Amino acid sequence: MTAITLDPAPNAATLAFLEKHPPLSAETRTHVNTEVMCWHLDRRPQTARLWAMRENGPLRPIRVNGRLAWPVAEIKRILGVAA
């Protein structure tokens, strides 16, 4: 049986992923885009767009120049992460 060893130093792909999707507890932005919100809530972007259009989802975005910005505080509330 071969043991699996993990490299303690993260590679460039891992660092890029973590930069784009930091843990919610480390998130410093007040609002995130649809892709990041969907990653945290494990939903597809089209689901989030429907929530925004119909205004019937668990959270509501604000619109900035036609783009959706989702409040981090509400994402944390839904997931039960301490603010």
PDB file of N, CA and C in Angstrom:
ATOM      1  N   MET A   1       0.848  -1.174   0.000  1.00  0.00           N
ATOM      2  CA  MET A   1       0.000   0.000   0.000  1.00  0.00           C
ATOM      3  C   MET A   1       0.889   1.231   0.000  1.00  0.00           C
ATOM      4  N   THR A   2       0.560   2.182  -0.835  1.00  0.00           N
ATOM      5  CA  THR A   2       1.342   3.402  -0.958  1.00  0.00           C
ATOM      6  C   THR A   2       0.672   4.516  -0.183  1.00  0.00           C
ATOM      7  N   ALA A   3       1.443   5.185   0.623  1.00  0.00           N
ATOM      8  CA  ALA A   3       0.917   6.314   1.386  1.00  0.00           C
ATOM      9  C   ALA A   3       0.867   7.558   0.501  1.00  0.00           C
ATOM     10  N   ILE A   4      -0.155   8.332   0.672  1.00  0.00           N
ATOM     11  CA  ILE A   4      -0.289   9.571  -0.078  1.00  0.00           C
ATOM     12  C   ILE A   4       0.289  10.694   0.768  1.00  0.00           C
ATOM     13  N   THR A   5       1.207  11.434   0.183  1.00  0.00           N
ATOM     14  CA  THR A   5       1.792  12.562   0.898  1.00  0.00           C
ATOM     15  C   THR A   5       1.337  13.847   0.222  1.00  0.00           C
ATOM     16  N   LEU A   6       1.069  14.838   1.029  1.00  0.00           N
ATOM     17  CA  LEU A   6       0.643  16.126   0.516  1.00  0.00           C
ATOM     18  C   LEU A   6       1.787  17.110   0.620  1.00  0.00           C
ATOM     19  N   ASP A   7       1.980  17.858  -0.432  1.00  0.00           N
ATOM     20  CA  ASP A   7       3.023  18.873  -0.446  1.00  0.00           C
ATOM     21  C   ASP A   7       2.586  20.026   0.458  1.00  0.00           C
ATOM     22  N   PRO A   8       3.373  20.379   1.479  1.00  0.00           N
ATOM     23  CA  PRO A   8       2.968  21.442   2.397  1.00  0.00           C
ATOM     24  C   PRO A   8       2.927  22.817   1.728  1.00  0.00           C
ATOM     25  N   ALA A   9       3.688  23.005   0.652  1.00  0.00           N
ATOM     26  CA  ALA A   9       3.692  24.290  -0.036  1.00  0.00           C
ATOM     27  C   ALA A   9       2.635  24.277  -1.147  1.00  0.00           C
ATOM     28  N   PRO A  10       1.663  25.182  -1.098  1.00  0.00           N
ATOM     29  CA  PRO A  10       0.628  25.192  -2.139  1.00  0.00           C
ATOM     30  C   PRO A  10       1.211  25.610  -3.484  1.00  0.00           C
ATOM     31  N   ASN A  11       0.684  25.024  -4.550  1.00  0.00           N
ATOM     32  CA  ASN A  11       1.159  25.381  -5.879  1.00  0.00           C
ATOM     33  C   ASN A  11       0.428  26.632  -6.372  1.00  0.00           C
ATOM     34  N   ALA A  12       0.792  27.097  -7.548  1.00  0.00           N
ATOM     35  CA  ALA A  12       0.226  28.335  -8.089  1.00  0.00           C
ATOM     36  C   ALA A  12      -1.276  28.226  -8.304  1.00  0.00           C
ATOM     37  N   ALA A  13      -1.753  27.070  -8.750  1.00  0.00           N
ATOM     38  CA  ALA A  13      -3.188  26.898  -8.994  1.00  0.00           C
ATOM     39  C   ALA A  13      -3.969  26.994  -7.689  1.00  0.00           C
ATOM     40  N   THR A  14      -3.443  26.399  -6.633  1.00  0.00           N
ATOM     41  CA  THR A  14      -4.112  26.452  -5.337  1.00  0.00           C
ATOM     42  C   THR A  14      -4.152  27.887  -4.812  1.00  0.00           C
ATOM     43  N   LEU A  15      -3.061  28.601  -4.958  1.00  0.00           N
ATOM     44  CA  LEU A  15      -3.020  29.992  -4.498  1.00  0.00           C
ATOM     45  C   LEU A  15      -3.994  30.865  -5.286  1.00  0.00           C
ATOM     46  N   ALA A  16      -4.093  30.641  -6.589  1.00  0.00           N
ATOM     47  CA  ALA A  16      -5.030  31.416  -7.409  1.00  0.00           C
ATOM     48  C   ALA A  16      -6.469  31.119  -7.006  1.00  0.00           C
ATOM     49  N   PHE A  17      -6.767  29.850  -6.729  1.00  0.00           N
ATOM     50  CA  PHE A  17      -8.110  29.463  -6.308  1.00  0.00           C
ATOM     51  C   PHE A  17      -8.464  30.126  -4.980  1.00  0.00           C
ATOM     52  N   LEU A  18      -7.549  30.073  -4.015  1.00  0.00           N
ATOM     53  CA  LEU A  18      -7.812  30.655  -2.698  1.00  0.00           C
ATOM     54  C   LEU A  18      -7.920  32.179  -2.752  1.00  0.00           C
ATOM     55  N   GLU A  19      -7.211  32.785  -3.685  1.00  0.00           N
ATOM     56  CA  GLU A  19      -7.306  34.234  -3.827  1.00  0.00           C
ATOM     57  C   GLU A  19      -8.681  34.628  -4.364  1.00  0.00           C
ATOM     58  N   LYS A  20      -9.197  33.818  -5.273  1.00  0.00           N
ATOM     59  CA  LYS A  20     -10.502  34.099  -5.871  1.00  0.00           C
ATOM     60  C   LYS A  20     -11.650  33.691  -4.944  1.00  0.00           C
ATOM     61  N   HIS A  21     -11.459  32.611  -4.174  1.00  0.00           N
ATOM     62  CA  HIS A  21     -12.499  32.087  -3.287  1.00  0.00           C
ATOM     63  C   HIS A  21     -11.956  31.924  -1.866  1.00  0.00           C
ATOM     64  N   PRO A  22     -11.712  33.034  -1.156  1.00  0.00           N
ATOM     65  CA  PRO A  22     -11.212  32.884   0.213  1.00  0.00           C
ATOM     66  C   PRO A  22     -12.293  32.290   1.105  1.00  0.00           C
ATOM     67  N   PRO A  23     -11.902  31.668   2.212  1.00  0.00           N
ATOM     68  CA  PRO A  23     -12.924  31.173   3.150  1.00  0.00           C
ATOM     69  C   PRO A  23     -13.790  32.345   3.619  1.00  0.00           C
ATOM     70  N   LEU A  24     -15.037  32.075   3.888  1.00  0.00           N
ATOM     71  CA  LEU A  24     -15.942  33.155   4.315  1.00  0.00           C
ATOM     72  C   LEU A  24     -15.454  33.853   5.571  1.00  0.00           C
ATOM     73  N   SER A  25     -14.838  33.111   6.457  1.00  0.00           N
ATOM     74  CA  SER A  25     -14.348  33.725   7.696  1.00  0.00           C
ATOM     75  C   SER A  25     -13.231  34.730   7.431  1.00  0.00           C
ATOM     76  N   ALA A  26     -12.560  34.618   6.274  1.00  0.00           N
ATOM     77  CA  ALA A  26     -11.466  35.525   5.932  1.00  0.00           C
ATOM     78  C   ALA A  26     -11.873  36.560   4.891  1.00  0.00           C
ATOM     79  N   GLU A  27     -13.116  36.541   4.467  1.00  0.00           N
ATOM     80  CA  GLU A  27     -13.584  37.465   3.425  1.00  0.00           C
ATOM     81  C   GLU A  27     -13.638  38.880   3.964  1.00  0.00           C
ATOM     82  N   THR A  28     -13.008  39.818   3.256  1.00  0.00           N
ATOM     83  CA  THR A  28     -12.962  41.211   3.707  1.00  0.00           C
ATOM     84  C   THR A  28     -13.895  42.111   2.900  1.00  0.00           C
ATOM     85  N   ARG A  29     -14.373  41.639   1.771  1.00  0.00           N
ATOM     86  CA  ARG A  29     -15.275  42.446   0.941  1.00  0.00           C
ATOM     87  C   ARG A  29     -16.672  42.445   1.557  1.00  0.00           C
ATOM     88  N   THR A  30     -17.416  43.511   1.311  1.00  0.00           N
ATOM     89  CA  THR A  30     -18.789  43.575   1.803  1.00  0.00           C
ATOM     90  C   THR A  30     -19.747  42.860   0.861  1.00  0.00           C
ATOM     91  N   HIS A  31     -19.415  42.816  -0.433  1.00  0.00           N
ATOM     92  CA  HIS A  31     -20.235  42.160  -1.446  1.00  0.00           C
ATOM     93  C   HIS A  31     -19.317  41.369  -2.382  1.00  0.00           C
ATOM     94  N   VAL A  32     -19.837  40.272  -2.908  1.00  0.00           N
ATOM     95  CA  VAL A  32     -19.077  39.449  -3.853  1.00  0.00           C
ATOM     96  C   VAL A  32     -19.907  39.259  -5.121  1.00  0.00           C
ATOM     97  N   ASN A  33     -19.233  38.830  -6.184  1.00  0.00           N
ATOM     98  CA  ASN A  33     -19.957  38.620  -7.432  1.00  0.00           C
ATOM     99  C   ASN A  33     -20.714  37.289  -7.401  1.00  0.00           C
ATOM    100  N   THR A  34     -21.450  37.027  -8.448  1.00  0.00           N
ATOM    101  CA  THR A  34     -22.309  35.843  -8.506  1.00  0.00           C
ATOM    102  C   THR A  34     -21.498  34.553  -8.445  1.00  0.00           C
ATOM    103  N   GLU A  35     -20.369  34.510  -9.132  1.00  0.00           N
ATOM    104  CA  GLU A  35     -19.555  33.292  -9.144  1.00  0.00           C
ATOM    105  C   GLU A  35     -19.094  32.904  -7.737  1.00  0.00           C
ATOM    106  N   VAL A  36     -18.625  33.865  -6.978  1.00  0.00           N
ATOM    107  CA  VAL A  36     -18.130  33.597  -5.627  1.00  0.00           C
ATOM    108  C   VAL A  36     -19.281  33.200  -4.710  1.00  0.00           C
ATOM    109  N   MET A  37     -20.400  33.914  -4.806  1.00  0.00           N
ATOM    110  CA  MET A  37     -21.556  33.575  -3.974  1.00  0.00           C
ATOM    111  C   MET A  37     -22.021  32.156  -4.251  1.00  0.00           C
ATOM    112  N   CYS A  38     -22.090  31.790  -5.519  1.00  0.00           N
ATOM    113  CA  CYS A  38     -22.534  30.441  -5.881  1.00  0.00           C
ATOM    114  C   CYS A  38     -21.549  29.387  -5.403  1.00  0.00           C
ATOM    115  N   TRP A  39     -20.274  29.684  -5.413  1.00  0.00           N
ATOM    116  CA  TRP A  39     -19.284  28.725  -4.930  1.00  0.00           C
ATOM    117  C   TRP A  39     -19.504  28.460  -3.435  1.00  0.00           C
ATOM    118  N   HIS A  40     -19.759  29.510  -2.677  1.00  0.00           N
ATOM    119  CA  HIS A  40     -19.971  29.340  -1.236  1.00  0.00           C
ATOM    120  C   HIS A  40     -21.272  28.607  -0.925  1.00  0.00           C
ATOM    121  N   LEU A  41     -22.326  28.891  -1.691  1.00  0.00           N
ATOM    122  CA  LEU A  41     -23.629  28.268  -1.423  1.00  0.00           C
ATOM    123  C   LEU A  41     -23.857  26.987  -2.217  1.00  0.00           C
ATOM    124  N   ASP A  42     -22.885  26.602  -3.028  1.00  0.00           N
ATOM    125  CA  ASP A  42     -22.977  25.383  -3.844  1.00  0.00           C
ATOM    126  C   ASP A  42     -24.214  25.414  -4.741  1.00  0.00           C
ATOM    127  N   ARG A  43     -24.346  26.498  -5.456  1.00  0.00           N
ATOM    128  CA  ARG A  43     -25.431  26.676  -6.412  1.00  0.00           C
ATOM    129  C   ARG A  43     -24.853  27.061  -7.762  1.00  0.00           C
ATOM    130  N   ARG A  44     -25.632  26.923  -8.815  1.00  0.00           N
ATOM    131  CA  ARG A  44     -25.220  27.318 -10.160  1.00  0.00           C
ATOM    132  C   ARG A  44     -25.531  28.808 -10.351  1.00  0.00           C
ATOM    133  N   PRO A  45     -24.740  29.504 -11.163  1.00  0.00           N
ATOM    134  CA  PRO A  45     -24.989  30.932 -11.383  1.00  0.00           C
ATOM    135  C   PRO A  45     -26.397  31.236 -11.916  1.00  0.00           C
ATOM    136  N   GLN A  46     -26.941  30.343 -12.736  1.00  0.00           N
ATOM    137  CA  GLN A  46     -28.280  30.597 -13.256  1.00  0.00           C
ATOM    138  C   GLN A  46     -29.320  30.608 -12.130  1.00  0.00           C
ATOM    139  N   THR A  47     -29.121  29.785 -11.122  1.00  0.00           N
ATOM    140  CA  THR A  47     -30.025  29.791  -9.962  1.00  0.00           C
ATOM    141  C   THR A  47     -29.987  31.153  -9.278  1.00  0.00           C
ATOM    142  N   ALA A  48     -28.789  31.691  -9.111  1.00  0.00           N
ATOM    143  CA  ALA A  48     -28.645  32.999  -8.464  1.00  0.00           C
ATOM    144  C   ALA A  48     -29.292  34.095  -9.307  1.00  0.00           C
ATOM    145  N   ARG A  49     -29.145  34.006 -10.613  1.00  0.00           N
ATOM    146  CA  ARG A  49     -29.762  35.010 -11.480  1.00  0.00           C
ATOM    147  C   ARG A  49     -31.285  34.949 -11.387  1.00  0.00           C
ATOM    148  N   LEU A  50     -31.817  33.750 -11.269  1.00  0.00           N
ATOM    149  CA  LEU A  50     -33.273  33.617 -11.090  1.00  0.00           C
ATOM    150  C   LEU A  50     -33.717  34.201  -9.757  1.00  0.00           C
ATOM    151  N   TRP A  51     -32.945  33.950  -8.697  1.00  0.00           N
ATOM    152  CA  TRP A  51     -33.265  34.546  -7.395  1.00  0.00           C
ATOM    153  C   TRP A  51     -33.312  36.064  -7.510  1.00  0.00           C
ATOM    154  N   ALA A  52     -32.333  36.622  -8.225  1.00  0.00           N
ATOM    155  CA  ALA A  52     -32.271  38.077  -8.365  1.00  0.00           C
ATOM    156  C   ALA A  52     -33.441  38.601  -9.194  1.00  0.00           C
ATOM    157  N   MET A  53     -33.751  37.920 -10.291  1.00  0.00           N
ATOM    158  CA  MET A  53     -34.820  38.367 -11.175  1.00  0.00           C
ATOM    159  C   MET A  53     -36.187  38.266 -10.503  1.00  0.00           C
ATOM    160  N   ARG A  54     -36.434  37.135  -9.852  1.00  0.00           N
ATOM    161  CA  ARG A  54     -37.739  36.906  -9.234  1.00  0.00           C
ATOM    162  C   ARG A  54     -37.844  37.490  -7.828  1.00  0.00           C
ATOM    163  N   GLU A  55     -36.708  37.866  -7.250  1.00  0.00           N
ATOM    164  CA  GLU A  55     -36.634  38.391  -5.882  1.00  0.00           C
ATOM    165  C   GLU A  55     -37.292  37.450  -4.888  1.00  0.00           C
ATOM    166  N   ASN A  56     -36.991  36.153  -5.020  1.00  0.00           N
ATOM    167  CA  ASN A  56     -37.602  35.172  -4.124  1.00  0.00           C
ATOM    168  C   ASN A  56     -36.587  34.213  -3.506  1.00  0.00           C
ATOM    169  N   GLY A  57     -35.314  34.507  -3.607  1.00  0.00           N
ATOM    170  CA  GLY A  57     -34.293  33.619  -3.065  1.00  0.00           C
ATOM    171  C   GLY A  57     -34.009  33.896  -1.606  1.00  0.00           C
ATOM    172  N   PRO A  58     -33.081  33.160  -1.029  1.00  0.00           N
ATOM    173  CA  PRO A  58     -32.743  33.345   0.384  1.00  0.00           C
ATOM    174  C   PRO A  58     -31.995  34.650   0.664  1.00  0.00           C
ATOM    175  N   LEU A  59     -31.463  35.287  -0.385  1.00  0.00           N
ATOM    176  CA  LEU A  59     -30.812  36.580  -0.226  1.00  0.00           C
ATOM    177  C   LEU A  59     -31.010  37.385  -1.495  1.00  0.00           C
ATOM    178  N   ARG A  60     -30.886  38.692  -1.371  1.00  0.00           N
ATOM    179  CA  ARG A  60     -31.119  39.581  -2.509  1.00  0.00           C
ATOM    180  C   ARG A  60     -29.839  40.351  -2.810  1.00  0.00           C
ATOM    181  N   PRO A  61     -29.489  40.434  -4.064  1.00  0.00           N
ATOM    182  CA  PRO A  61     -28.289  41.198  -4.430  1.00  0.00           C
ATOM    183  C   PRO A  61     -28.614  42.673  -4.619  1.00  0.00           C
ATOM    184  N   ILE A  62     -27.565  43.471  -4.675  1.00  0.00           N
ATOM    185  CA  ILE A  62     -27.726  44.836  -5.146  1.00  0.00           C
ATOM    186  C   ILE A  62     -27.216  44.844  -6.581  1.00  0.00           C
ATOM    187  N   ARG A  63     -27.675  45.785  -7.351  1.00  0.00           N
ATOM    188  CA  ARG A  63     -27.255  45.875  -8.750  1.00  0.00           C
ATOM    189  C   ARG A  63     -26.339  47.079  -8.905  1.00  0.00           C
ATOM    190  N   VAL A  64     -25.159  46.829  -9.465  1.00  0.00           N
ATOM    191  CA  VAL A  64     -24.182  47.888  -9.680  1.00  0.00           C
ATOM    192  C   VAL A  64     -23.836  47.880 -11.167  1.00  0.00           C
ATOM    193  N   ASN A  65     -24.289  48.894 -11.878  1.00  0.00           N
ATOM    194  CA  ASN A  65     -24.065  48.992 -13.325  1.00  0.00           C
ATOM    195  C   ASN A  65     -24.458  47.711 -14.049  1.00  0.00           C
ATOM    196  N   GLY A  66     -25.588  47.146 -13.691  1.00  0.00           N
ATOM    197  CA  GLY A  66     -26.088  45.952 -14.360  1.00  0.00           C
ATOM    198  C   GLY A  66     -25.507  44.641 -13.859  1.00  0.00           C
ATOM    199  N   ARG A  67     -24.610  44.706 -12.901  1.00  0.00           N
ATOM    200  CA  ARG A  67     -24.011  43.488 -12.340  1.00  0.00           C
ATOM    201  C   ARG A  67     -24.592  43.238 -10.952  1.00  0.00           C
ATOM    202  N   LEU A  68     -24.603  41.975 -10.571  1.00  0.00           N
ATOM    203  CA  LEU A  68     -25.139  41.603  -9.267  1.00  0.00           C
ATOM    204  C   LEU A  68     -24.021  41.551  -8.235  1.00  0.00           C
ATOM    205  N   ALA A  69     -24.266  42.135  -7.077  1.00  0.00           N
ATOM    206  CA  ALA A  69     -23.325  42.095  -5.956  1.00  0.00           C
ATOM    207  C   ALA A  69     -24.077  41.523  -4.757  1.00  0.00           C
ATOM    208  N   TRP A  70     -23.584  40.410  -4.234  1.00  0.00           N
ATOM    209  CA  TRP A  70     -24.277  39.676  -3.170  1.00  0.00           C
ATOM    210  C   TRP A  70     -23.641  39.994  -1.824  1.00  0.00           C
ATOM    211  N   PRO A  71     -24.439  40.344  -0.809  1.00  0.00           N
ATOM    212  CA  PRO A  71     -23.885  40.737   0.497  1.00  0.00           C
ATOM    213  C   PRO A  71     -23.248  39.552   1.242  1.00  0.00           C
ATOM    214  N   VAL A  72     -22.013  39.733   1.628  1.00  0.00           N
ATOM    215  CA  VAL A  72     -21.277  38.689   2.345  1.00  0.00           C
ATOM    216  C   VAL A  72     -21.935  38.395   3.693  1.00  0.00           C
ATOM    217  N   ALA A  73     -22.452  39.414   4.370  1.00  0.00           N
ATOM    218  CA  ALA A  73     -23.094  39.194   5.670  1.00  0.00           C
ATOM    219  C   ALA A  73     -24.279  38.235   5.553  1.00  0.00           C
ATOM    220  N   GLU A  74     -25.038  38.343   4.467  1.00  0.00           N
ATOM    221  CA  GLU A  74     -26.179  37.463   4.271  1.00  0.00           C
ATOM    222  C   GLU A  74     -25.733  36.051   3.935  1.00  0.00           C
ATOM    223  N   ILE A  75     -24.668  35.909   3.173  1.00  0.00           N
ATOM    224  CA  ILE A  75     -24.127  34.571   2.866  1.00  0.00           C
ATOM    225  C   ILE A  75     -23.675  33.904   4.164  1.00  0.00           C
ATOM    226  N   LYS A  76     -22.992  34.666   5.021  1.00  0.00           N
ATOM    227  CA  LYS A  76     -22.550  34.134   6.306  1.00  0.00           C
ATOM    228  C   LYS A  76     -23.740  33.738   7.180  1.00  0.00           C
ATOM    229  N   ARG A  77     -24.800  34.565   7.153  1.00  0.00           N
ATOM    230  CA  ARG A  77     -25.999  34.245   7.950  1.00  0.00           C
ATOM    231  C   ARG A  77     -26.630  32.947   7.481  1.00  0.00           C
ATOM    232  N   ILE A  78     -26.748  32.767   6.178  1.00  0.00           N
ATOM    233  CA  ILE A  78     -27.353  31.563   5.635  1.00  0.00           C
ATOM    234  C   ILE A  78     -26.549  30.318   6.004  1.00  0.00           C
ATOM    235  N   LEU A  79     -25.226  30.449   5.946  1.00  0.00           N
ATOM    236  CA  LEU A  79     -24.357  29.309   6.233  1.00  0.00           C
ATOM    237  C   LEU A  79     -24.044  29.134   7.716  1.00  0.00           C
ATOM    238  N   GLY A  80     -24.438  30.098   8.534  1.00  0.00           N
ATOM    239  CA  GLY A  80     -24.178  30.002   9.970  1.00  0.00           C
ATOM    240  C   GLY A  80     -22.738  30.276  10.356  1.00  0.00           C
ATOM    241  N   VAL A  81     -22.067  31.091   9.553  1.00  0.00           N
ATOM    242  CA  VAL A  81     -20.675  31.460   9.838  1.00  0.00           C
ATOM    243  C   VAL A  81     -20.685  32.715  10.686  1.00  0.00           C
ATOM    244  N   ALA A  82     -19.867  32.753  11.713  1.00  0.00           N
ATOM    245  CA  ALA A  82     -19.800  33.934  12.597  1.00  0.00           C
ATOM    246  C   ALA A  82     -19.330  35.133  11.799  1.00  0.00           C
ATOM    247  N   ALA A  83     -19.974  36.260  12.045  1.00  0.00           N
ATOM    248  CA  ALA A  83     -19.643  37.497  11.294  1.00  0.00           C
ATOM    249  C   ALA A  83     -18.392  38.137  11.779  1.00  0.00           C
TER     250      ALA A  83
END
